[in-house]
C-alpha atoms as a PDB file:
ATOM      1  CA  MET A   1    -109.609 -56.546 -95.723  1.00  0.00           C
ATOM      2  CA  SER A   2    -110.894 -59.974 -96.596  1.00  0.00           C
ATOM      3  CA  ASP A   3    -111.351 -62.813 -94.134  1.00  0.00           C
ATOM      4  CA  ASP A   4    -108.927 -64.962 -96.178  1.00  0.00           C
ATOM      5  CA  ARG A   5    -106.150 -62.378 -95.939  1.00  0.00           C
ATOM      6  CA  GLU A   6    -106.863 -61.866 -92.242  1.00  0.00           C
ATOM      7  CA  SER A   7    -106.540 -65.622 -91.681  1.00  0.00           C
ATOM      8  CA  VAL A   8    -103.210 -65.710 -93.546  1.00  0.00           C
ATOM      9  CA  VAL A   9    -101.842 -62.761 -91.564  1.00  0.00           C
ATOM     10  CA  LEU A  10    -102.882 -64.309 -88.234  1.00  0.00           C
ATOM     11  CA  ALA A  11    -101.477 -67.725 -89.228  1.00  0.00           C
ATOM     12  CA  ASN A  12     -98.121 -66.178 -90.219  1.00  0.00           C
ATOM     13  CA  ILE A  13     -97.928 -64.240 -86.947  1.00  0.00           C
ATOM     14  CA  GLU A  14     -98.611 -67.463 -85.040  1.00  0.00           C
ATOM     15  CA  LYS A  15     -96.151 -69.568 -87.060  1.00  0.00           C
ATOM     16  CA  TYR A  16     -93.332 -67.095 -87.794  1.00  0.00           C
ATOM     17  CA  GLY A  17     -93.763 -64.302 -85.249  1.00  0.00           C
ATOM     18  CA  CYS A  18     -94.945 -61.731 -87.798  1.00  0.00           C
ATOM     19  CA  HIS A  19     -96.344 -61.186 -91.263  1.00  0.00           C
ATOM     20  CA  ILE A  20     -94.484 -59.028 -93.793  1.00  0.00           C
ATOM     21  CA  TRP A  21     -96.379 -56.819 -96.230  1.00  0.00           C
ATOM     22  CA  HIS A  22     -94.855 -55.433 -99.413  1.00  0.00           C
ATOM     23  CA  ILE A  23     -96.725 -52.393-100.698  1.00  0.00           C
ATOM     24  CA  MET A  24     -96.136 -51.560-104.351  1.00  0.00           C
ATOM     25  CA  ALA A  25     -95.134 -48.092-105.521  1.00  0.00           C
ATOM     26  CA  GLU A  26     -98.138 -46.040-106.507  1.00  0.00           C
ATOM     27  CA  GLY A  27     -98.852 -42.469-107.555  1.00  0.00           C
ATOM     28  CA  GLY A  28     -95.225 -41.392-107.311  1.00  0.00           C
ATOM     29  CA  GLU A  29     -94.851 -42.841-103.808  1.00  0.00           C
ATOM     30  CA  PRO A  30     -92.087 -45.421-103.203  1.00  0.00           C
ATOM     31  CA  TRP A  31     -92.713 -49.032-102.344  1.00  0.00           C
ATOM     32  CA  PHE A  32     -92.273 -50.164 -98.776  1.00  0.00           C
ATOM     33  CA  ASP A  33     -92.264 -53.246 -96.570  1.00  0.00           C
ATOM     34  CA  TYR A  34     -93.424 -53.536 -92.988  1.00  0.00           C
ATOM     35  CA  SER A  35     -94.010 -56.083 -90.266  1.00  0.00           C
ATOM     36  CA  VAL A  36     -97.331 -56.931 -88.672  1.00  0.00           C
ATOM     37  CA  GLY A  37     -97.481 -58.653 -85.297  1.00  0.00           C
ATOM     38  CA  LEU A  38     -93.902 -58.311 -84.038  1.00  0.00           C
ATOM     39  CA  GLN A  39     -94.929 -56.170 -81.098  1.00  0.00           C
ATOM     40  CA  LYS A  40     -97.595 -58.738 -80.241  1.00  0.00           C
ATOM     41  CA  THR A  41     -95.155 -61.663 -80.291  1.00  0.00           C
ATOM     42  CA  THR A  42     -91.970 -60.013 -78.963  1.00  0.00           C
ATOM     43  CA  GLY A  43     -92.922 -56.724 -77.323  1.00  0.00           C
ATOM     44  CA  ALA A  44     -90.517 -54.946 -79.701  1.00  0.00           C
ATOM     45  CA  PRO A  45     -91.698 -52.253 -82.135  1.00  0.00           C
ATOM     46  CA  GLU A  46     -92.864 -53.129 -85.618  1.00  0.00           C
ATOM     47  CA  ILE A  47     -90.506 -52.140 -88.446  1.00  0.00           C
ATOM     48  CA  ILE A  48     -90.894 -50.373 -91.799  1.00  0.00           C
ATOM     49  CA  ILE A  49     -88.376 -50.054 -94.622  1.00  0.00           C
ATOM     50  CA  ILE A  50     -89.111 -47.658 -97.480  1.00  0.00           C
ATOM     51  CA  GLY A  51     -87.544 -47.761-100.934  1.00  0.00           C
ATOM     52  CA  LEU A  52     -85.402 -50.904-100.758  1.00  0.00           C
ATOM     53  CA  LYS A  53     -86.075 -53.771-103.139  1.00  0.00           C
ATOM     54  CA  GLN A  54     -88.428 -56.367-101.708  1.00  0.00           C
ATOM     55  CA  PRO A  55     -85.970 -59.283-101.273  1.00  0.00           C
ATOM     56  CA  LEU A  56     -83.505 -57.133 -99.311  1.00  0.00           C
ATOM     57  CA  ALA A  57     -86.226 -55.439 -97.262  1.00  0.00           C
ATOM     58  CA  LYS A  58     -87.783 -58.815 -96.409  1.00  0.00           C
ATOM     59  CA  TRP A  59     -84.381 -60.201 -95.384  1.00  0.00           C
ATOM     60  CA  ILE A  60     -83.749 -57.156 -93.156  1.00  0.00           C
ATOM     61  CA  ILE A  61     -87.175 -57.456 -91.513  1.00  0.00           C
ATOM     62  CA  ASN A  62     -86.536 -61.140 -90.841  1.00  0.00           C
ATOM     63  CA  GLU A  63     -83.105 -60.315 -89.394  1.00  0.00           C
ATOM     64  CA  TYR A  64     -84.678 -57.646 -87.169  1.00  0.00           C
ATOM     65  CA  LYS A  65     -87.276 -60.232 -86.100  1.00  0.00           C
ATOM     66  CA  ARG A  66     -84.560 -62.775 -85.298  1.00  0.00           C
ATOM     67  CA  LEU A  67     -82.673 -60.244 -83.186  1.00  0.00           C
ATOM     68  CA  VAL A  68     -85.706 -59.010 -81.245  1.00  0.00           C
ATOM     69  CA  GLN A  69     -86.895 -62.586 -80.680  1.00  0.00           C
ATOM     70  CA  ALA A  70     -83.476 -63.173 -79.084  1.00  0.00           C
ATOM     71  CA  GLY A  71     -84.067 -60.190 -76.797  1.00  0.00           C
ATOM     72  CA  GLN A  72     -82.197 -57.390 -78.550  1.00  0.00           C
ATOM     73  CA  ARG A  73     -83.961 -54.029 -78.664  1.00  0.00           C
ATOM     74  CA  PHE A  74     -83.423 -51.019 -80.899  1.00  0.00           C
ATOM     75  CA  LYS A  75     -84.437 -47.484 -80.043  1.00  0.00           C
ATOM     76  CA  HIS A  76     -85.039 -44.117 -81.661  1.00  0.00           C
ATOM     77  CA  ALA A  77     -81.914 -42.506 -83.179  1.00  0.00           C
ATOM     78  CA  GLU A  78     -79.854 -45.675 -82.738  1.00  0.00           C
ATOM     79  CA  ARG A  79     -77.362 -46.668 -85.414  1.00  0.00           C
ATOM     80  CA  ALA A  80     -76.853 -50.359 -86.069  1.00  0.00           C
ATOM     81  CA  SER A  81     -74.664 -52.511 -88.287  1.00  0.00           C
ATOM     82  CA  GLY A  82     -75.246 -55.931 -89.787  1.00  0.00           C
ATOM     83  CA  PHE A  83     -78.402 -55.154 -91.722  1.00  0.00           C
ATOM     84  CA  ILE A  84     -76.769 -53.880 -94.929  1.00  0.00           C
ATOM     85  CA  GLU A  85     -73.245 -55.095 -95.572  1.00  0.00           C
ATOM     86  CA  GLY A  86     -70.688 -52.343 -95.127  1.00  0.00           C
ATOM     87  CA  PHE A  87     -73.134 -49.686 -93.876  1.00  0.00           C
ATOM     88  CA  ASP A  88     -74.787 -48.654 -90.660  1.00  0.00           C
ATOM     89  CA  VAL A  89     -78.521 -48.091 -90.675  1.00  0.00           C
ATOM     90  CA  LEU A  90     -80.500 -45.794 -88.434  1.00  0.00           C
ATOM     91  CA  PHE A  91     -83.666 -46.561 -86.478  1.00  0.00           C
ATOM     92  CA  LEU A  92     -86.200 -43.757 -86.077  1.00  0.00           C
ATOM     93  CA  GLU A  93     -89.493 -43.939 -84.193  1.00  0.00           C
ATOM     94  CA  VAL A  94     -92.381 -43.402 -86.615  1.00  0.00           C
ATOM     95  CA  GLU A  95     -94.766 -40.615 -85.638  1.00  0.00           C
ATOM     96  CA  ARG A  96     -98.382 -41.698 -85.212  1.00  0.00           C
ATOM     97  CA  SER A  97     -99.538 -39.105 -87.773  1.00  0.00           C
ATOM     98  CA  TYR A  98     -98.195 -41.507 -90.442  1.00  0.00           C
ATOM     99  CA  TYR A  99     -99.973 -44.627 -89.151  1.00  0.00           C
ATOM    100  CA  SER A 100    -103.138 -44.266 -91.247  1.00  0.00           C
ATOM    101  CA  ASN A 101    -101.131 -43.954 -94.489  1.00  0.00           C
ATOM    102  CA  TYR A 102     -98.701 -46.819 -93.872  1.00  0.00           C
ATOM    103  CA  PHE A 103     -99.947 -49.340 -91.304  1.00  0.00           C
ATOM    104  CA  GLY A 104    -103.479 -50.440 -92.112  1.00  0.00           C
ATOM    105  CA  TRP A 105    -102.839 -54.035 -91.142  1.00  0.00           C
ATOM    106  CA  ASN A 106    -101.223 -53.099 -87.841  1.00  0.00           C
ATOM    107  CA  ARG A 107    -104.136 -50.780 -87.081  1.00  0.00           C
ATOM    108  CA  TRP A 108    -106.441 -53.733 -87.776  1.00  0.00           C
ATOM    109  CA  LEU A 109    -104.425 -56.153 -85.611  1.00  0.00           C
ATOM    110  CA  TYR A 110    -104.002 -53.774 -82.657  1.00  0.00           C
ATOM    111  CA  ARG A 111    -107.497 -52.275 -83.106  1.00  0.00           C
ATOM    112  CA  GLY A 112    -106.163 -48.739 -83.403  1.00  0.00           C
ATOM    113  CA  ASP A 113    -102.855 -46.947 -83.065  1.00  0.00           C
ATOM    114  CA  ASP A 114    -101.628 -48.497 -79.819  1.00  0.00           C
ATOM    115  CA  PHE A 115     -98.391 -49.923 -81.219  1.00  0.00           C
ATOM    116  CA  GLU A 116     -94.880 -48.667 -81.917  1.00  0.00           C
ATOM    117  CA  VAL A 117     -92.995 -48.681 -85.225  1.00  0.00           C
ATOM    118  CA  LEU A 118     -89.353 -48.076 -86.025  1.00  0.00           C
ATOM    119  CA  GLN A 119     -88.297 -46.965 -89.487  1.00  0.00           C
ATOM    120  CA  LEU A 120     -85.018 -48.472 -90.635  1.00  0.00           C
ATOM    121  CA  VAL A 121     -83.325 -45.685 -92.607  1.00  0.00           C
ATOM    122  CA  TRP A 122     -80.510 -46.597 -94.979  1.00  0.00           C
ATOM    123  CA  PRO A 123     -77.809 -44.495 -96.641  1.00  0.00           C
ATOM    124  CA  THR A 124     -76.728 -44.517-100.280  1.00  0.00           C
ATOM    125  CA  THR A 125     -73.805 -46.706-101.306  1.00  0.00           C
ATOM    126  CA  LYS A 126     -71.669 -43.592-100.759  1.00  0.00           C
ATOM    127  CA  GLY A 127     -72.859 -43.362 -97.149  1.00  0.00           C
ATOM    128  CA  VAL A 128     -75.121 -40.342 -97.701  1.00  0.00           C
ATOM    129  CA  TRP A 129     -78.356 -40.063 -95.689  1.00  0.00           C
ATOM    130  CA  PRO A 130     -81.550 -38.779 -97.358  1.00  0.00           C
ATOM    131  CA  TRP A 131     -81.535 -35.449 -95.477  1.00  0.00           C
ATOM    132  CA  GLN A 132     -77.939 -34.563 -96.241  1.00  0.00           C
ATOM    133  CA  PRO A 133     -77.310 -31.807 -98.811  1.00  0.00           C
ATOM    134  CA  GLU A 134     -75.104 -34.105-100.906  1.00  0.00           C
ATOM    135  CA  ALA A 135     -77.962 -36.606-101.346  1.00  0.00           C
ATOM    136  CA  SER A 136     -79.026 -36.951-104.964  1.00  0.00           C
ATOM    137  CA  ASP A 137     -82.214 -35.308-106.158  1.00  0.00           C
ATOM    138  CA  GLY A 138     -85.146 -37.494-105.233  1.00  0.00           C
ATOM    139  CA  PHE A 139     -83.400 -39.666-102.631  1.00  0.00           C
ATOM    140  CA  ASP A 140     -85.421 -37.962 -99.896  1.00  0.00           C
ATOM    141  CA  ARG A 141     -88.615 -38.683-101.873  1.00  0.00           C
ATOM    142  CA  TRP A 142     -87.552 -42.294-102.429  1.00  0.00           C
ATOM    143  CA  GLN A 143     -87.064 -42.749 -98.680  1.00  0.00           C
ATOM    144  CA  PRO A 144     -89.311 -40.296 -96.828  1.00  0.00           C
ATOM    145  CA  ILE A 145     -88.554 -39.956 -93.137  1.00  0.00           C
ATOM    146  CA  LEU A 146     -91.605 -40.693 -90.961  1.00  0.00           C
ATOM    147  CA  SER A 147     -90.127 -39.076 -87.870  1.00  0.00           C
ATOM    148  CA  THR A 148     -88.823 -35.781 -86.631  1.00  0.00           C
ATOM    149  CA  LEU A 149     -85.095 -35.971 -87.073  1.00  0.00           C
ATOM    150  CA  PRO A 150     -83.155 -35.552 -83.873  1.00  0.00           C
ATOM    151  CA  ASP A 151     -79.735 -33.935 -84.022  1.00  0.00           C
ATOM    152  CA  LEU A 152     -77.798 -37.000 -85.144  1.00  0.00           C
ATOM    153  CA  GLY A 153     -74.541 -35.365 -86.015  1.00  0.00           C
ATOM    154  CA  LEU A 154     -75.042 -36.715 -89.558  1.00  0.00           C
ATOM    155  CA  HIS A 155     -75.607 -33.370 -91.330  1.00  0.00           C
END
């Protein structure tokens, strides 16, 4: 990580409350977007969105930031509306075993793994979740789940 990029990340956290990274798809893995610094500025978990196009993912992260800055909190296995028009999304707590593969900048900022992350999981336009049998081939690879799924009644 270069000093210039570190300065930009820290300046964005100071000015906007977080920095948003977009990581390009590589080696068959999907692209993803995540926040850096939200827990530092709001006390709320960071957020990751996997497989959505960058403009929508960035908008959702900014909406999440706006809500948590206003005091709203989301928790593991909680469904929420208002992030994707016409569909609920699901928040899942990311397991720390995934931190080294997905959250290099958060690990730098927090000097280790002492931070929380929620994954915002989204359904298809038909309302199908990635783990459901009726999900299309590859949807679970396009949006890997970084958590142990609780019994959500969504099977």
